[in-house]
Amino acid sequence: MLLFRWLILLLLLAAAVCFAFYAGTGQPKFKRYGFVITKWTLIAAFVFFAVLILERLG
């Protein structure tokens, strides 16, 4: 569990760094990387919380 929490935190940090690079350089590839990382981080978080909820129900 702790590993997944750290993984989600690090992915969100990586997305923030990508957006900061985009703000600093203006290169659209960093914005795209940030959105892709954010999208997959949210998907992973939803799956993680769904597993936790199903674990409590079962």
Protein backbone atom coordinates (compact mmCIF):
# COMPACT_ATOMS: atom_id res chain seq x y z
CA MET A 1 0.00 0.00 0.00
CA LEU A 2 2.74 2.41 0.93
CA LEU A 3 4.49 1.73 -2.37
CA PHE A 4 1.40 2.70 -4.36
CA ARG A 5 0.95 5.90 -2.38
CA TRP A 6 4.55 6.92 -3.03
CA LEU A 7 4.22 5.99 -6.69
CA ILE A 8 1.16 8.20 -7.12
CA LEU A 9 2.86 11.05 -5.26
CA LEU A 10 5.99 10.79 -7.41
CA LEU A 11 3.95 10.69 -10.61
CA LEU A 12 2.08 13.83 -9.59
CA LEU A 13 5.41 15.47 -8.79
CA ALA A 14 6.72 14.46 -12.23
CA ALA A 15 3.66 16.01 -13.87
CA ALA A 16 4.20 19.23 -11.91
CA VAL A 17 7.83 19.32 -13.06
CA CYS A 18 6.70 18.86 -16.68
CA PHE A 19 4.26 21.75 -16.35
CA ALA A 20 6.99 23.89 -14.77
CA PHE A 21 9.28 23.09 -17.71
CA TYR A 22 6.46 24.07 -20.06
CA ALA A 23 6.00 27.36 -18.23
CA GLY A 24 9.72 28.02 -18.36
CA THR A 25 10.45 27.00 -21.94
CA GLY A 26 7.12 27.29 -23.74
CA GLN A 27 7.70 23.97 -25.53
CA PRO A 28 4.37 22.18 -25.98
CA LYS A 29 5.92 18.71 -25.58
CA PHE A 30 6.29 19.32 -21.83
CA LYS A 31 2.61 20.23 -21.51
CA ARG A 32 1.67 17.05 -23.38
CA TYR A 33 3.92 14.96 -21.11
CA GLY A 34 2.35 16.58 -18.06
CA PHE A 35 -1.18 15.80 -19.23
CA VAL A 36 -0.31 12.21 -20.09
CA ILE A 37 1.35 11.63 -16.71
CA THR A 38 -1.60 13.25 -14.92
CA LYS A 39 -4.12 11.14 -16.85
CA TRP A 40 -2.38 7.86 -16.02
CA THR A 41 -1.82 8.91 -12.43
CA LEU A 42 -5.53 9.57 -11.97
CA ILE A 43 -6.42 6.25 -13.58
CA ALA A 44 -3.99 4.45 -11.25
CA ALA A 45 -5.40 6.31 -8.24
CA PHE A 46 -8.98 5.40 -9.15
CA VAL A 47 -8.02 1.74 -9.53
CA PHE A 48 -6.16 1.85 -6.22
CA PHE A 49 -9.13 3.30 -4.37
CA ALA A 50 -11.54 0.91 -6.10
CA VAL A 51 -9.47 -2.01 -4.84
CA LEU A 52 -9.53 -0.54 -1.33
CA ILE A 53 -13.31 -0.14 -1.44
CA LEU A 54 -13.85 -3.65 -2.79
CA GLU A 55 -11.52 -5.01 -0.13
CA ARG A 56 -13.64 -3.41 2.60
CA LEU A 57 -16.89 -4.68 1.09
CA GLY A 58 -15.66 -8.25 0.70
